[in-house]
Every structure is written in C-alpha cells, then in structure tokens.
Amino acid sequence: MEPERIDRIIDQHGADASALLAILQDVQTEARWLSRETLDRVSKRLHIPFTRVYHMATFFNAFHLKPRGEHICTVCMGTACHVRGARRLLEHAERELGVTSGDTTPDLVFSLEEVNCVGTCAIGPLVILDGEYHGAMTPDRLGKLIDRHRKTEEKK
C-alpha cells in the first residue's frame, strides 16, 4: 500500500495513537492485509514503538499479515456444518483453487479459510464468499460459485 494512502487513513483519525486499532482496521480494509512496511509506517506516523503496532496486529485474528485474495472463500467447520459435509466442501475448494486452507492463490484472486462456527447452523453446511452466505452448500454448487467469480475476474 502506498505511504500516501496510509497517511490519509492516519490523518482521518487525527494521527492519534489511541486510534491504532481503528487505523489498522481501515488500512486492512483497503489493502486486504497488513504488510511489515505498512505496520512500520503506522508506527512512525503515530510515534509509537513498532512492537506495539505489531502486537496489536498479531493479537486480533481479524488482522492478516500475509497477502489476501480479492475474493475470500470461508468454509464453516462448526459441528452442524461438519456433520453435513463441510470437510468435503473444504477439500473440494482446496482442489478447485489449488491452495490449502489459510492460503491465497498465487494470482491473489482467492483466499481460502475455515472458521469454527458462524452461528448459522440451520442452513449448514455453509460457505461465505465475499461476505455472502451460501447455505446447504454442495461441492457441485461450490465449484459453480468459484467458477462464476473466476469469470468475473477474467472480465476485469
């Protein structure tokens, strides 16, 4: 992420160190992840130790220190989803995308992740793609969903 974009976000928060969490959230929203350079820039601009910024970025699961894809595919692995075939869905997604859970495709188009439970047990197994919930998911439907997003990216 360009330093100017980081600076703009910091300035929107009054360059106030007490807004560190919000600043990191806003930066990640734009960049999809927090690079070491980004964390260093935030540290210098807020005049706080890098270790404090890094601690905040590693403490919360919501922050990502590796590049993430344009599209985030999340498979719920909670008990209800698991007994309804979530493991097969995750394995199918791994084959389709050529990555394992927690990784991003080399072209930075897709990231695949799993979560323990999102609380929508009645509609499991569940896949969340770009924040949109898809219940009663099957491997076939998941493949079509991924293909549709691939085609969207190819048109860009």
Protein backbone atom coordinates (compact mmCIF):
# COMPACT_ATOMS: atom_id res chain seq x y z
CA MET A 1 0.00 0.00 0.00
CA GLU A 2 1.33 3.42 -0.90
CA PRO A 3 2.52 5.54 2.04
CA GLU A 4 0.20 8.37 0.98
CA ARG A 5 -2.87 6.13 1.35
CA ILE A 6 -1.70 5.04 4.80
CA ASP A 7 -1.09 8.66 5.76
CA ARG A 8 -4.57 9.65 4.60
CA ILE A 9 -6.15 6.98 6.83
CA ILE A 10 -3.99 8.00 9.79
CA ASP A 11 -4.91 11.65 9.25
CA GLN A 12 -8.62 10.74 9.17
CA HIS A 13 -8.11 9.50 12.73
CA GLY A 14 -6.28 12.65 13.78
CA ALA A 15 -2.91 10.84 13.85
CA ASP A 16 -3.93 9.76 17.35
CA ALA A 17 -2.15 6.70 18.76
CA SER A 18 -5.27 5.79 20.72
CA ALA A 19 -6.95 5.11 17.36
CA LEU A 20 -4.40 2.41 16.45
CA LEU A 21 -6.96 -0.38 16.25
CA ALA A 22 -9.29 1.63 14.01
CA ILE A 23 -6.38 2.73 11.82
CA LEU A 24 -5.22 -0.85 11.31
CA GLN A 25 -8.78 -1.91 10.51
CA ASP A 26 -9.18 0.84 7.93
CA VAL A 27 -5.80 0.16 6.34
CA GLN A 28 -6.59 -3.55 6.08
CA THR A 29 -9.99 -2.80 4.58
CA GLU A 30 -8.25 -1.01 1.72
CA ALA A 31 -5.21 -3.25 1.32
CA ARG A 32 -6.76 -6.60 2.44
CA TRP A 33 -3.69 -7.27 4.61
CA LEU A 34 -1.03 -5.53 6.72
CA SER A 35 2.50 -5.67 5.38
CA ARG A 36 5.56 -5.06 7.54
CA GLU A 37 6.12 -1.80 5.66
CA THR A 38 2.58 -0.71 6.45
CA LEU A 39 3.00 -1.50 10.15
CA ASP A 40 6.30 0.38 10.16
CA ARG A 41 4.69 3.41 8.51
CA VAL A 42 1.88 3.43 11.09
CA SER A 43 4.43 3.14 13.90
CA LYS A 44 6.46 6.09 12.64
CA ARG A 45 3.48 8.31 11.89
CA LEU A 46 1.90 7.70 15.31
CA HIS A 47 5.26 7.95 17.10
CA ILE A 48 4.76 4.63 18.87
CA PRO A 49 7.07 1.60 19.00
CA PHE A 50 6.82 -0.86 16.15
CA THR A 51 6.39 -3.64 18.74
CA ARG A 52 3.15 -2.05 19.95
CA VAL A 53 1.75 -1.90 16.41
CA TYR A 54 2.90 -5.45 15.67
CA HIS A 55 1.41 -6.71 18.94
CA MET A 56 -1.96 -5.22 18.03
CA ALA A 57 -1.81 -6.70 14.52
CA THR A 58 -0.97 -10.18 15.81
CA PHE A 59 -3.26 -10.16 18.84
CA PHE A 60 -6.50 -9.96 16.87
CA ASN A 61 -7.45 -12.79 14.50
CA ALA A 62 -9.14 -10.30 12.20
CA PHE A 63 -5.79 -8.95 11.01
CA HIS A 64 -3.82 -10.65 8.25
CA LEU A 65 -0.08 -10.34 7.83
CA LYS A 66 0.03 -12.23 4.52
CA PRO A 67 -1.44 -11.03 1.21
CA ARG A 68 -5.09 -11.97 0.77
CA GLY A 69 -7.07 -12.55 -2.36
CA GLU A 70 -9.64 -10.32 -3.96
CA HIS A 71 -12.25 -12.95 -3.07
CA ILE A 72 -12.38 -14.59 0.37
CA CYS A 73 -13.93 -18.07 0.49
CA THR A 74 -14.70 -19.20 4.04
CA VAL A 75 -15.96 -22.66 4.94
CA CYS A 76 -17.72 -23.06 8.27
CA MET A 77 -16.39 -26.10 10.13
CA GLY A 78 -18.71 -25.90 13.14
CA THR A 79 -20.28 -29.13 14.37
CA ALA A 80 -23.54 -28.80 12.43
CA CYS A 81 -21.73 -27.93 9.20
CA HIS A 82 -19.11 -30.60 9.80
CA VAL A 83 -21.64 -33.42 10.13
CA ARG A 84 -23.35 -32.17 6.95
CA GLY A 85 -20.19 -32.37 4.84
CA ALA A 86 -18.12 -29.25 5.48
CA ARG A 87 -14.86 -31.25 5.29
CA ARG A 88 -15.76 -32.39 1.75
CA LEU A 89 -16.53 -28.78 0.82
CA LEU A 90 -13.18 -27.58 2.14
CA GLU A 91 -11.32 -30.34 0.30
CA HIS A 92 -13.24 -29.55 -2.89
CA ALA A 93 -12.38 -25.85 -2.58
CA GLU A 94 -8.72 -26.72 -1.99
CA ARG A 95 -8.67 -28.78 -5.21
CA GLU A 96 -10.58 -26.13 -7.19
CA LEU A 97 -8.31 -23.30 -6.08
CA GLY A 98 -5.05 -25.24 -5.81
CA VAL A 99 -4.34 -23.98 -2.28
CA THR A 100 -4.84 -25.27 1.23
CA SER A 101 -6.95 -23.62 3.89
CA GLY A 102 -5.29 -20.43 5.10
CA ASP A 103 -3.58 -19.75 1.78
CA THR A 104 -4.09 -17.43 -1.17
CA THR A 105 -3.84 -18.29 -4.84
CA PRO A 106 -0.62 -17.07 -6.48
CA ASP A 107 -2.60 -14.61 -8.63
CA LEU A 108 -4.10 -13.10 -5.44
CA VAL A 109 -7.64 -13.74 -6.69
CA PHE A 110 -8.84 -16.16 -3.97
CA SER A 111 -8.06 -16.77 -0.31
CA LEU A 112 -9.43 -19.90 1.32
CA GLU A 113 -10.07 -20.09 5.03
CA GLU A 114 -12.08 -22.04 7.54
CA VAL A 115 -13.83 -20.87 10.69
CA ASN A 116 -15.04 -22.85 13.67
CA CYS A 117 -18.64 -21.62 13.62
CA VAL A 118 -20.57 -18.63 12.36
CA GLY A 119 -23.82 -19.48 14.15
CA THR A 120 -25.95 -20.30 11.13
CA CYS A 121 -26.25 -23.99 11.95
CA ALA A 122 -29.72 -24.39 10.46
CA ILE A 123 -28.50 -23.67 6.93
CA GLY A 124 -25.26 -25.67 7.02
CA PRO A 125 -23.03 -26.64 5.51
CA LEU A 126 -22.18 -23.02 4.92
CA VAL A 127 -19.72 -21.23 2.65
CA ILE A 128 -19.21 -17.49 2.84
CA LEU A 129 -17.85 -15.94 -0.33
CA ASP A 130 -17.05 -12.26 -0.15
CA GLY A 131 -19.33 -11.86 2.86
CA GLU A 132 -22.31 -13.50 1.15
CA TYR A 133 -23.69 -16.57 2.93
CA HIS A 134 -24.44 -19.69 0.88
CA GLY A 135 -26.25 -22.36 2.88
CA ALA A 136 -26.96 -26.02 2.16
CA MET A 137 -23.79 -25.95 0.05
CA THR A 138 -22.68 -28.92 -2.03
CA PRO A 139 -19.32 -29.48 -3.75
CA ASP A 140 -21.01 -29.05 -7.15
CA ARG A 141 -22.62 -25.73 -6.18
CA LEU A 142 -19.36 -24.55 -4.63
CA GLY A 143 -17.48 -25.31 -7.85
CA LYS A 144 -20.01 -23.27 -9.84
CA LEU A 145 -19.77 -20.41 -7.35
CA ILE A 146 -15.98 -20.33 -7.64
CA ASP A 147 -16.17 -20.51 -11.44
CA ARG A 148 -18.62 -17.60 -11.53
CA HIS A 149 -16.18 -15.46 -9.50
CA ARG A 150 -13.26 -16.55 -11.71
CA LYS A 151 -15.15 -15.44 -14.81
CA THR A 152 -15.91 -12.10 -13.18
CA GLU A 153 -12.18 -11.61 -12.55
CA GLU A 154 -11.28 -12.57 -16.12
CA LYS A 155 -13.58 -9.83 -17.44
CA LYS A 156 -11.76 -7.18 -15.39
